Amino acid sequence: MRIKEYKDSCKGCDISREIEKKPGGIIDLEGDWILNHYAGDEGFLGWMALQPRFHRMKFTDFTDDEAKALGKNIQNINTALCEYWSIHFPEDPVEKLYVVCFHESEEYHIHIHLIPRTKELGGEDPTAYMAWKTFKRTEKEPFPQEYRITIKDPSGSLIEDQKVVDLMSSLKGFLLKKSAK
């Protein structure tokens, strides 16, 4: 059995313990997973970060419960994002959810980016928008204005962008209903 512990020098563990605040807060998920809205400069509305609650540096570090819950959590988040988009952006549905995993640094434990690609983001050529091109795409048009978020002020302090807060609240309600079933 893997130990359920945090590492003091890990920003992922700080997020789990809510020492490092995230816009809209975090959502507790099944199997000791948490979800937060990604707060990187290249992020946009709906770009999520999924991580185990406890310090894990590789997939083989997961407990059986963590490993079993991962796929179901991704599936539920995908469904929740699609539902949110169908209500708030009915003309621009989520067509794909990119699932990208990073665990290269000792600074963050393993975390998974869940990046929605909508019809508009795909445009005429869906390959024009791909996860690894996001930073370039978010710097300029035709990136949709309604998906742009402001999560930091000029000093780098966290701002609670209302669009992110609303999305996180909606996702939390949806995901809580799913886990109760």
N, C-alpha and C. Protein backbone atom coordinates (compact mmCIF):
# COMPACT_ATOMS: atom_id res chain seq x y z
N MET A 1 0.83 -1.18 0.00
CA MET A 1 0.00 0.00 0.00
C MET A 1 0.87 1.24 0.00
N ARG A 2 0.53 2.20 -0.87
CA ARG A 2 1.28 3.45 -0.97
C ARG A 2 0.91 4.37 0.20
N ILE A 3 1.86 5.16 0.60
CA ILE A 3 1.67 6.08 1.72
C ILE A 3 0.92 7.31 1.24
N LYS A 4 -0.04 7.74 2.03
CA LYS A 4 -0.81 8.95 1.72
C LYS A 4 -0.15 10.10 2.46
N GLU A 5 0.85 10.70 1.79
CA GLU A 5 1.57 11.79 2.43
C GLU A 5 1.85 12.89 1.42
N TYR A 6 2.16 14.06 1.96
CA TYR A 6 2.51 15.21 1.17
C TYR A 6 4.01 15.44 1.29
N LYS A 7 4.56 16.13 0.30
CA LYS A 7 5.97 16.52 0.34
C LYS A 7 6.02 18.04 0.42
N ASP A 8 6.74 18.55 1.39
CA ASP A 8 6.76 19.99 1.64
C ASP A 8 7.29 20.81 0.47
N SER A 9 8.19 20.28 -0.33
CA SER A 9 8.77 21.06 -1.42
C SER A 9 8.03 20.88 -2.75
N CYS A 10 6.83 20.31 -2.71
CA CYS A 10 6.07 20.01 -3.93
C CYS A 10 4.89 20.97 -4.06
N LYS A 11 4.84 21.72 -5.17
CA LYS A 11 3.73 22.65 -5.40
C LYS A 11 2.42 21.89 -5.62
N GLY A 12 2.48 20.69 -6.19
CA GLY A 12 1.28 19.87 -6.33
C GLY A 12 0.67 19.54 -4.98
N CYS A 13 1.51 19.19 -4.02
CA CYS A 13 1.03 18.92 -2.66
C CYS A 13 0.46 20.18 -2.02
N ASP A 14 1.09 21.34 -2.30
CA ASP A 14 0.57 22.61 -1.78
C ASP A 14 -0.81 22.91 -2.35
N ILE A 15 -1.04 22.56 -3.61
CA ILE A 15 -2.36 22.75 -4.21
C ILE A 15 -3.37 21.83 -3.50
N SER A 16 -2.99 20.57 -3.29
CA SER A 16 -3.87 19.62 -2.60
C SER A 16 -4.28 20.10 -1.22
N ARG A 17 -3.34 20.69 -0.51
CA ARG A 17 -3.60 21.18 0.85
C ARG A 17 -4.17 22.59 0.86
N GLU A 18 -4.37 23.14 -0.33
CA GLU A 18 -4.88 24.51 -0.53
C GLU A 18 -3.99 25.56 0.09
N ILE A 19 -2.69 25.26 0.18
CA ILE A 19 -1.70 26.27 0.57
C ILE A 19 -1.49 27.20 -0.63
N GLU A 20 -1.42 26.61 -1.82
CA GLU A 20 -1.37 27.39 -3.06
C GLU A 20 -2.79 27.44 -3.61
N LYS A 21 -3.35 28.63 -3.63
CA LYS A 21 -4.74 28.81 -4.08
C LYS A 21 -4.82 28.76 -5.60
N LYS A 22 -5.95 28.25 -6.09
CA LYS A 22 -6.23 28.17 -7.51
C LYS A 22 -7.53 28.90 -7.80
N PRO A 23 -7.64 29.53 -8.98
CA PRO A 23 -8.88 30.23 -9.30
C PRO A 23 -10.07 29.28 -9.27
N GLY A 24 -11.09 29.64 -8.51
CA GLY A 24 -12.27 28.78 -8.38
C GLY A 24 -12.11 27.66 -7.38
N GLY A 25 -10.95 27.54 -6.75
CA GLY A 25 -10.69 26.50 -5.75
C GLY A 25 -10.41 25.14 -6.38
N ILE A 26 -10.49 24.11 -5.55
CA ILE A 26 -10.28 22.74 -6.03
C ILE A 26 -11.55 21.93 -5.82
N ILE A 27 -11.66 20.88 -6.60
CA ILE A 27 -12.79 19.95 -6.48
C ILE A 27 -12.22 18.60 -6.07
N ASP A 28 -12.75 18.04 -5.00
CA ASP A 28 -12.35 16.71 -4.55
C ASP A 28 -13.06 15.67 -5.40
N LEU A 29 -12.31 14.69 -5.88
CA LEU A 29 -12.85 13.63 -6.72
C LEU A 29 -12.59 12.27 -6.11
N GLU A 30 -13.25 11.28 -6.65
CA GLU A 30 -13.09 9.90 -6.17
C GLU A 30 -11.64 9.43 -6.28
N GLY A 31 -11.27 8.53 -5.40
CA GLY A 31 -9.96 7.91 -5.44
C GLY A 31 -8.82 8.81 -5.06
N ASP A 32 -9.08 9.81 -4.23
CA ASP A 32 -8.05 10.77 -3.79
C ASP A 32 -7.44 11.56 -4.94
N TRP A 33 -8.30 12.06 -5.82
CA TRP A 33 -7.90 12.96 -6.90
C TRP A 33 -8.51 14.32 -6.64
N ILE A 34 -7.84 15.36 -7.15
CA ILE A 34 -8.40 16.71 -7.09
C ILE A 34 -8.33 17.33 -8.48
N LEU A 35 -9.21 18.30 -8.69
CA LEU A 35 -9.29 19.01 -9.96
C LEU A 35 -9.25 20.50 -9.68
N ASN A 36 -8.48 21.22 -10.48
CA ASN A 36 -8.49 22.67 -10.40
C ASN A 36 -8.39 23.25 -11.80
N HIS A 37 -8.76 24.52 -11.91
CA HIS A 37 -8.63 25.20 -13.19
C HIS A 37 -7.16 25.58 -13.34
N TYR A 38 -6.59 25.25 -14.48
CA TYR A 38 -5.18 25.55 -14.75
C TYR A 38 -4.97 27.06 -14.70
N ALA A 39 -3.90 27.49 -14.05
CA ALA A 39 -3.64 28.91 -13.85
C ALA A 39 -2.39 29.40 -14.56
N GLY A 40 -1.93 28.67 -15.57
CA GLY A 40 -0.78 29.13 -16.34
C GLY A 40 -1.17 30.25 -17.29
N ASP A 41 -0.19 31.04 -17.69
CA ASP A 41 -0.45 32.18 -18.57
C ASP A 41 -1.07 31.78 -19.90
N GLU A 42 -0.76 30.59 -20.39
CA GLU A 42 -1.29 30.16 -21.68
C GLU A 42 -2.66 29.52 -21.57
N GLY A 43 -3.18 29.42 -20.37
CA GLY A 43 -4.46 28.76 -20.16
C GLY A 43 -5.65 29.57 -20.65
N PHE A 44 -6.78 28.91 -20.73
CA PHE A 44 -8.03 29.55 -21.12
C PHE A 44 -9.16 28.84 -20.39
N LEU A 45 -10.35 29.40 -20.48
CA LEU A 45 -11.50 28.86 -19.78
C LEU A 45 -11.69 27.39 -20.12
N GLY A 46 -11.76 26.55 -19.09
CA GLY A 46 -11.98 25.12 -19.28
C GLY A 46 -10.73 24.27 -19.24
N TRP A 47 -9.55 24.87 -19.27
CA TRP A 47 -8.29 24.10 -19.20
C TRP A 47 -8.11 23.69 -17.75
N MET A 48 -8.20 22.40 -17.49
CA MET A 48 -8.19 21.89 -16.13
C MET A 48 -6.88 21.15 -15.81
N ALA A 49 -6.60 21.01 -14.53
CA ALA A 49 -5.47 20.21 -14.05
C ALA A 49 -6.00 19.19 -13.05
N LEU A 50 -5.73 17.93 -13.33
CA LEU A 50 -6.16 16.81 -12.49
C LEU A 50 -4.92 16.20 -11.87
N GLN A 51 -4.96 15.99 -10.56
CA GLN A 51 -3.78 15.41 -9.91
C GLN A 51 -4.19 14.55 -8.73
N PRO A 52 -3.34 13.57 -8.39
CA PRO A 52 -3.61 12.83 -7.16
C PRO A 52 -3.46 13.78 -5.96
N ARG A 53 -4.25 13.55 -4.95
CA ARG A 53 -4.19 14.39 -3.76
C ARG A 53 -2.82 14.29 -3.09
N PHE A 54 -2.27 13.10 -3.06
CA PHE A 54 -1.02 12.87 -2.34
C PHE A 54 0.17 12.81 -3.29
N HIS A 55 1.35 12.91 -2.73
CA HIS A 55 2.57 13.01 -3.53
C HIS A 55 2.83 11.73 -4.33
N ARG A 56 2.75 11.85 -5.64
CA ARG A 56 3.02 10.74 -6.56
C ARG A 56 3.87 11.30 -7.70
N MET A 57 4.97 10.64 -7.98
CA MET A 57 5.87 11.10 -9.05
C MET A 57 5.75 10.27 -10.32
N LYS A 58 5.14 9.11 -10.25
CA LYS A 58 4.98 8.27 -11.45
C LYS A 58 3.75 7.39 -11.28
N PHE A 59 3.30 6.85 -12.40
CA PHE A 59 2.08 6.04 -12.38
C PHE A 59 2.18 4.85 -11.43
N THR A 60 3.34 4.26 -11.32
CA THR A 60 3.51 3.11 -10.44
C THR A 60 3.43 3.47 -8.97
N ASP A 61 3.41 4.77 -8.66
CA ASP A 61 3.24 5.23 -7.27
C ASP A 61 1.77 5.25 -6.84
N PHE A 62 0.84 5.16 -7.81
CA PHE A 62 -0.59 5.25 -7.47
C PHE A 62 -1.02 4.08 -6.60
N THR A 63 -1.94 4.37 -5.70
CA THR A 63 -2.61 3.28 -4.97
C THR A 63 -3.58 2.62 -5.95
N ASP A 64 -4.09 1.47 -5.59
CA ASP A 64 -5.08 0.81 -6.44
C ASP A 64 -6.30 1.71 -6.63
N ASP A 65 -6.76 2.37 -5.57
CA ASP A 65 -7.92 3.26 -5.66
C ASP A 65 -7.65 4.44 -6.59
N GLU A 66 -6.47 5.02 -6.51
CA GLU A 66 -6.11 6.13 -7.39
C GLU A 66 -6.10 5.69 -8.85
N ALA A 67 -5.49 4.56 -9.10
CA ALA A 67 -5.41 4.04 -10.48
C ALA A 67 -6.80 3.72 -11.03
N LYS A 68 -7.64 3.08 -10.22
CA LYS A 68 -8.98 2.71 -10.67
C LYS A 68 -9.84 3.94 -10.93
N ALA A 69 -9.68 4.99 -10.17
CA ALA A 69 -10.53 6.18 -10.29
C ALA A 69 -10.10 7.10 -11.44
N LEU A 70 -8.88 7.00 -11.90
CA LEU A 70 -8.37 7.96 -12.89
C LEU A 70 -9.24 8.02 -14.15
N GLY A 71 -9.48 6.90 -14.79
CA GLY A 71 -10.25 6.88 -16.03
C GLY A 71 -11.66 7.40 -15.84
N LYS A 72 -12.31 6.98 -14.78
CA LYS A 72 -13.68 7.43 -14.51
C LYS A 72 -13.71 8.93 -14.24
N ASN A 73 -12.72 9.44 -13.52
CA ASN A 73 -12.67 10.87 -13.26
C ASN A 73 -12.51 11.65 -14.56
N ILE A 74 -11.62 11.21 -15.45
CA ILE A 74 -11.44 11.89 -16.74
C ILE A 74 -12.75 11.85 -17.54
N GLN A 75 -13.39 10.70 -17.56
CA GLN A 75 -14.65 10.57 -18.28
C GLN A 75 -15.71 11.53 -17.72
N ASN A 76 -15.82 11.60 -16.40
CA ASN A 76 -16.81 12.48 -15.78
C ASN A 76 -16.50 13.96 -16.02
N ILE A 77 -15.23 14.33 -15.98
CA ILE A 77 -14.83 15.71 -16.25
C ILE A 77 -15.15 16.07 -17.69
N ASN A 78 -14.85 15.16 -18.61
CA ASN A 78 -15.16 15.39 -20.02
C ASN A 78 -16.66 15.63 -20.20
N THR A 79 -17.48 14.78 -19.60
CA THR A 79 -18.93 14.93 -19.69
C THR A 79 -19.38 16.26 -19.08
N ALA A 80 -18.81 16.62 -17.93
CA ALA A 80 -19.18 17.87 -17.25
C ALA A 80 -18.80 19.08 -18.09
N LEU A 81 -17.62 19.08 -18.70
CA LEU A 81 -17.22 20.20 -19.55
C LEU A 81 -18.13 20.31 -20.77
N CYS A 82 -18.46 19.17 -21.37
CA CYS A 82 -19.36 19.18 -22.53
C CYS A 82 -20.73 19.73 -22.15
N GLU A 83 -21.24 19.33 -20.98
CA GLU A 83 -22.53 19.83 -20.51
C GLU A 83 -22.48 21.33 -20.27
N TYR A 84 -21.43 21.80 -19.61
CA TYR A 84 -21.27 23.23 -19.35
C TYR A 84 -21.25 24.01 -20.66
N TRP A 85 -20.46 23.54 -21.60
CA TRP A 85 -20.34 24.22 -22.90
C TRP A 85 -21.67 24.23 -23.64
N SER A 86 -22.42 23.14 -23.57
CA SER A 86 -23.69 23.08 -24.28
C SER A 86 -24.69 24.11 -23.73
N ILE A 87 -24.55 24.47 -22.48
CA ILE A 87 -25.42 25.47 -21.86
C ILE A 87 -24.92 26.89 -22.13
N HIS A 88 -23.61 27.11 -21.93
CA HIS A 88 -23.05 28.47 -21.99
C HIS A 88 -22.52 28.87 -23.35
N PHE A 89 -22.15 27.91 -24.17
CA PHE A 89 -21.62 28.17 -25.51
C PHE A 89 -22.24 27.18 -26.49
N PRO A 90 -23.57 27.21 -26.64
CA PRO A 90 -24.23 26.18 -27.44
C PRO A 90 -23.81 26.14 -28.91
N GLU A 91 -23.30 27.25 -29.42
CA GLU A 91 -22.87 27.29 -30.83
C GLU A 91 -21.44 26.76 -31.01
N ASP A 92 -20.77 26.45 -29.91
CA ASP A 92 -19.36 26.04 -29.99
C ASP A 92 -19.09 24.86 -29.06
N PRO A 93 -19.61 23.68 -29.37
CA PRO A 93 -19.47 22.54 -28.47
C PRO A 93 -18.02 22.05 -28.32
N VAL A 94 -17.78 21.41 -27.19
CA VAL A 94 -16.49 20.74 -26.99
C VAL A 94 -16.49 19.51 -27.89
N GLU A 95 -15.49 19.41 -28.76
CA GLU A 95 -15.40 18.28 -29.67
C GLU A 95 -14.41 17.22 -29.20
N LYS A 96 -13.38 17.65 -28.49
CA LYS A 96 -12.37 16.72 -27.99
C LYS A 96 -11.87 17.22 -26.64
N LEU A 97 -11.36 16.31 -25.87
CA LEU A 97 -10.68 16.68 -24.64
C LEU A 97 -9.27 16.12 -24.72
N TYR A 98 -8.30 17.01 -24.82
CA TYR A 98 -6.91 16.56 -24.84
C TYR A 98 -6.51 16.18 -23.42
N VAL A 99 -5.83 15.07 -23.26
CA VAL A 99 -5.36 14.58 -21.97
C VAL A 99 -3.84 14.50 -22.07
N VAL A 100 -3.16 15.38 -21.32
CA VAL A 100 -1.72 15.51 -21.41
C VAL A 100 -1.14 15.37 -20.00
N CYS A 101 -0.17 14.50 -19.85
CA CYS A 101 0.40 14.24 -18.53
C CYS A 101 1.82 14.77 -18.43
N PHE A 102 2.11 15.40 -17.30
CA PHE A 102 3.46 15.89 -17.03
C PHE A 102 3.92 15.38 -15.67
N HIS A 103 5.13 14.92 -15.62
CA HIS A 103 5.74 14.58 -14.34
C HIS A 103 7.25 14.56 -14.49
N GLU A 104 7.77 15.67 -14.98
CA GLU A 104 9.19 15.80 -15.26
C GLU A 104 9.96 16.48 -14.13
N SER A 105 9.28 17.17 -13.27
CA SER A 105 9.93 18.04 -12.31
C SER A 105 9.73 17.55 -10.89
N GLU A 106 10.69 17.81 -10.05
CA GLU A 106 10.54 17.53 -8.63
C GLU A 106 9.69 18.61 -7.96
N GLU A 107 9.44 19.70 -8.69
CA GLU A 107 8.69 20.83 -8.16
C GLU A 107 7.19 20.53 -8.06
N TYR A 108 6.67 19.73 -8.99
CA TYR A 108 5.25 19.34 -9.01
C TYR A 108 5.18 17.82 -9.09
N HIS A 109 4.26 17.22 -8.34
CA HIS A 109 4.07 15.79 -8.58
C HIS A 109 3.22 15.60 -9.84
N ILE A 110 3.03 14.37 -10.23
CA ILE A 110 2.35 14.07 -11.49
C ILE A 110 1.01 14.80 -11.56
N HIS A 111 0.73 15.39 -12.71
CA HIS A 111 -0.55 16.06 -12.92
C HIS A 111 -0.92 15.94 -14.40
N ILE A 112 -2.20 15.97 -14.62
CA ILE A 112 -2.73 15.71 -15.96
C ILE A 112 -3.53 16.94 -16.39
N HIS A 113 -3.15 17.49 -17.53
CA HIS A 113 -3.87 18.63 -18.09
C HIS A 113 -5.01 18.09 -18.95
N LEU A 114 -6.20 18.63 -18.73
CA LEU A 114 -7.39 18.28 -19.50
C LEU A 114 -7.79 19.55 -20.26
N ILE A 115 -7.57 19.53 -21.56
CA ILE A 115 -7.70 20.73 -22.38
C ILE A 115 -8.82 20.54 -23.40
N PRO A 116 -9.94 21.25 -23.23
CA PRO A 116 -11.03 21.09 -24.19
C PRO A 116 -10.71 21.78 -25.51
N ARG A 117 -11.07 21.10 -26.59
CA ARG A 117 -10.97 21.72 -27.91
C ARG A 117 -12.37 21.81 -28.46
N THR A 118 -12.82 23.05 -28.65
CA THR A 118 -14.16 23.28 -29.14
C THR A 118 -14.16 23.34 -30.66
N LYS A 119 -15.34 23.36 -31.23
CA LYS A 119 -15.48 23.46 -32.68
C LYS A 119 -14.78 24.71 -33.19
N GLU A 120 -15.02 25.86 -32.54
CA GLU A 120 -14.41 27.12 -32.99
C GLU A 120 -12.89 27.10 -32.86
N LEU A 121 -12.40 26.51 -31.79
CA LEU A 121 -10.94 26.44 -31.63
C LEU A 121 -10.30 25.57 -32.71
N GLY A 122 -11.05 24.56 -33.18
CA GLY A 122 -10.54 23.72 -34.26
C GLY A 122 -10.60 24.42 -35.60
N GLY A 123 -11.60 25.28 -35.78
CA GLY A 123 -11.74 26.02 -37.02
C GLY A 123 -11.90 25.12 -38.23
N GLU A 124 -11.56 25.66 -39.39
CA GLU A 124 -11.65 24.90 -40.64
C GLU A 124 -10.69 23.73 -40.65
N ASP A 125 -9.57 23.91 -39.98
CA ASP A 125 -8.54 22.87 -39.94
C ASP A 125 -8.30 22.49 -38.48
N PRO A 126 -8.92 21.39 -37.99
CA PRO A 126 -8.77 21.01 -36.59
C PRO A 126 -7.32 20.83 -36.15
N THR A 127 -6.42 20.53 -37.08
CA THR A 127 -5.02 20.37 -36.69
C THR A 127 -4.35 21.72 -36.43
N ALA A 128 -5.04 22.83 -36.79
CA ALA A 128 -4.47 24.16 -36.54
C ALA A 128 -4.40 24.44 -35.04
N TYR A 129 -5.30 23.83 -34.29
CA TYR A 129 -5.27 24.00 -32.84
C TYR A 129 -4.97 22.64 -32.23
N MET A 130 -3.82 22.54 -31.69
CA MET A 130 -3.45 21.32 -30.99
C MET A 130 -2.85 21.73 -29.66
N ALA A 131 -2.91 20.84 -28.72
CA ALA A 131 -2.50 21.18 -27.36
C ALA A 131 -1.11 21.80 -27.32
N TRP A 132 -0.18 21.30 -28.08
CA TRP A 132 1.19 21.81 -27.98
C TRP A 132 1.35 23.16 -28.68
N LYS A 133 0.32 23.64 -29.36
CA LYS A 133 0.36 24.96 -29.99
C LYS A 133 -0.45 25.99 -29.20
N THR A 134 -0.95 25.61 -28.06
CA THR A 134 -1.88 26.47 -27.32
C THR A 134 -1.28 27.82 -26.97
N PHE A 135 -0.05 27.85 -26.50
CA PHE A 135 0.53 29.12 -26.08
C PHE A 135 0.54 30.11 -27.22
N LYS A 136 0.95 29.67 -28.40
CA LYS A 136 0.96 30.57 -29.56
C LYS A 136 -0.46 30.99 -29.92
N ARG A 137 -1.40 30.08 -29.82
CA ARG A 137 -2.78 30.37 -30.19
C ARG A 137 -3.42 31.36 -29.22
N THR A 138 -3.12 31.26 -27.95
CA THR A 138 -3.76 32.12 -26.96
C THR A 138 -3.15 33.52 -26.94
N GLU A 139 -2.01 33.72 -27.59
CA GLU A 139 -1.40 35.04 -27.63
C GLU A 139 -2.07 35.97 -28.63
N LYS A 140 -2.79 35.41 -29.58
CA LYS A 140 -3.34 36.24 -30.65
C LYS A 140 -4.71 35.75 -31.08
N GLU A 141 -5.38 36.55 -31.90
CA GLU A 141 -6.63 36.11 -32.50
C GLU A 141 -6.30 35.00 -33.48
N PRO A 142 -7.18 34.12 -33.85
CA PRO A 142 -8.61 34.20 -33.61
C PRO A 142 -9.06 33.45 -32.37
N PHE A 143 -8.25 33.44 -31.34
CA PHE A 143 -8.65 32.78 -30.11
C PHE A 143 -9.88 33.48 -29.57
N PRO A 144 -10.97 32.76 -29.30
CA PRO A 144 -12.23 33.41 -28.91
C PRO A 144 -12.11 34.22 -27.62
N GLN A 145 -12.56 35.44 -27.68
CA GLN A 145 -12.49 36.35 -26.54
C GLN A 145 -13.21 35.79 -25.32
N GLU A 146 -14.34 35.10 -25.53
CA GLU A 146 -15.12 34.60 -24.39
C GLU A 146 -14.40 33.49 -23.62
N TYR A 147 -13.33 32.93 -24.17
CA TYR A 147 -12.58 31.89 -23.48
C TYR A 147 -11.32 32.44 -22.80
N ARG A 148 -11.02 33.70 -23.07
CA ARG A 148 -9.85 34.30 -22.42
C ARG A 148 -10.16 34.54 -20.95
N ILE A 149 -9.18 34.32 -20.12
CA ILE A 149 -9.37 34.55 -18.69
C ILE A 149 -8.21 35.38 -18.16
N THR A 150 -8.48 36.06 -17.07
CA THR A 150 -7.44 36.80 -16.36
C THR A 150 -7.35 36.16 -14.98
N ILE A 151 -6.22 35.55 -14.71
CA ILE A 151 -6.08 34.86 -13.44
C ILE A 151 -5.00 35.45 -12.54
N LYS A 152 -4.22 36.40 -13.10
CA LYS A 152 -3.19 37.05 -12.31
C LYS A 152 -3.17 38.53 -12.61
N ASP A 153 -2.93 39.34 -11.58
CA ASP A 153 -2.78 40.77 -11.81
C ASP A 153 -1.33 41.04 -12.23
N PRO A 154 -0.99 42.28 -12.58
CA PRO A 154 0.37 42.57 -13.04
C PRO A 154 1.48 42.16 -12.06
N SER A 155 1.16 42.08 -10.76
CA SER A 155 2.18 41.68 -9.78
C SER A 155 2.31 40.16 -9.68
N GLY A 156 1.41 39.43 -10.36
CA GLY A 156 1.44 37.97 -10.32
C GLY A 156 0.51 37.36 -9.29
N SER A 157 -0.24 38.19 -8.58
CA SER A 157 -1.18 37.69 -7.58
C SER A 157 -2.42 37.12 -8.25
N LEU A 158 -3.00 36.09 -7.63
CA LEU A 158 -4.17 35.41 -8.16
C LEU A 158 -5.39 36.33 -8.17
N ILE A 159 -6.12 36.29 -9.29
CA ILE A 159 -7.39 37.00 -9.43
C ILE A 159 -8.47 35.94 -9.60
N GLU A 160 -9.59 36.12 -8.95
CA GLU A 160 -10.71 35.19 -9.10
C GLU A 160 -11.55 35.62 -10.31
N ASP A 161 -11.16 35.20 -11.49
CA ASP A 161 -11.92 35.49 -12.70
C ASP A 161 -13.31 34.86 -12.56
N GLN A 162 -14.35 35.66 -12.72
CA GLN A 162 -15.71 35.18 -12.48
C GLN A 162 -16.09 34.04 -13.42
N LYS A 163 -15.59 34.05 -14.64
CA LYS A 163 -15.88 32.95 -15.57
C LYS A 163 -15.34 31.63 -15.02
N VAL A 164 -14.15 31.67 -14.44
CA VAL A 164 -13.55 30.46 -13.87
C VAL A 164 -14.32 30.02 -12.63
N VAL A 165 -14.68 30.96 -11.79
CA VAL A 165 -15.44 30.64 -10.57
C VAL A 165 -16.77 29.98 -10.96
N ASP A 166 -17.46 30.54 -11.94
CA ASP A 166 -18.74 29.98 -12.39
C ASP A 166 -18.56 28.58 -12.96
N LEU A 167 -17.54 28.39 -13.78
CA LEU A 167 -17.27 27.06 -14.36
C LEU A 167 -16.97 26.05 -13.26
N MET A 168 -16.10 26.41 -12.31
CA MET A 168 -15.74 25.48 -11.24
C MET A 168 -16.95 25.13 -10.38
N SER A 169 -17.81 26.09 -10.12
CA SER A 169 -19.02 25.83 -9.35
C SER A 169 -19.93 24.85 -10.09
N SER A 170 -20.09 25.05 -11.38
CA SER A 170 -20.92 24.15 -12.19
C SER A 170 -20.32 22.74 -12.24
N LEU A 171 -19.02 22.66 -12.47
CA LEU A 171 -18.36 21.34 -12.52
C LEU A 171 -18.48 20.63 -11.18
N LYS A 172 -18.30 21.37 -10.10
CA LYS A 172 -18.40 20.77 -8.77
C LYS A 172 -19.77 20.15 -8.56
N GLY A 173 -20.82 20.88 -8.90
CA GLY A 173 -22.18 20.35 -8.76
C GLY A 173 -22.39 19.10 -9.60
N PHE A 174 -21.95 19.15 -10.85
CA PHE A 174 -22.11 18.01 -11.75
C PHE A 174 -21.34 16.80 -11.24
N LEU A 175 -20.09 17.01 -10.85
CA LEU A 175 -19.23 15.90 -10.42
C LEU A 175 -19.69 15.32 -9.09
N LEU A 176 -20.23 16.14 -8.20
CA LEU A 176 -20.76 15.62 -6.94
C LEU A 176 -21.97 14.71 -7.20
N LYS A 177 -22.83 15.12 -8.15
CA LYS A 177 -23.99 14.29 -8.51
C LYS A 177 -23.52 12.95 -9.09
N LYS A 178 -22.48 12.99 -9.94
CA LYS A 178 -21.98 11.77 -10.57
C LYS A 178 -21.39 10.82 -9.53
N SER A 179 -20.67 11.36 -8.55
CA SER A 179 -20.05 10.49 -7.55
C SER A 179 -21.07 9.92 -6.57
N ALA A 180 -22.22 10.57 -6.43
CA ALA A 180 -23.26 10.08 -5.52
C ALA A 180 -24.00 8.87 -6.11
N LYS A 181 -23.89 8.68 -7.42
CA LYS A 181 -24.60 7.57 -8.08
C LYS A 181 -23.91 6.25 -7.88
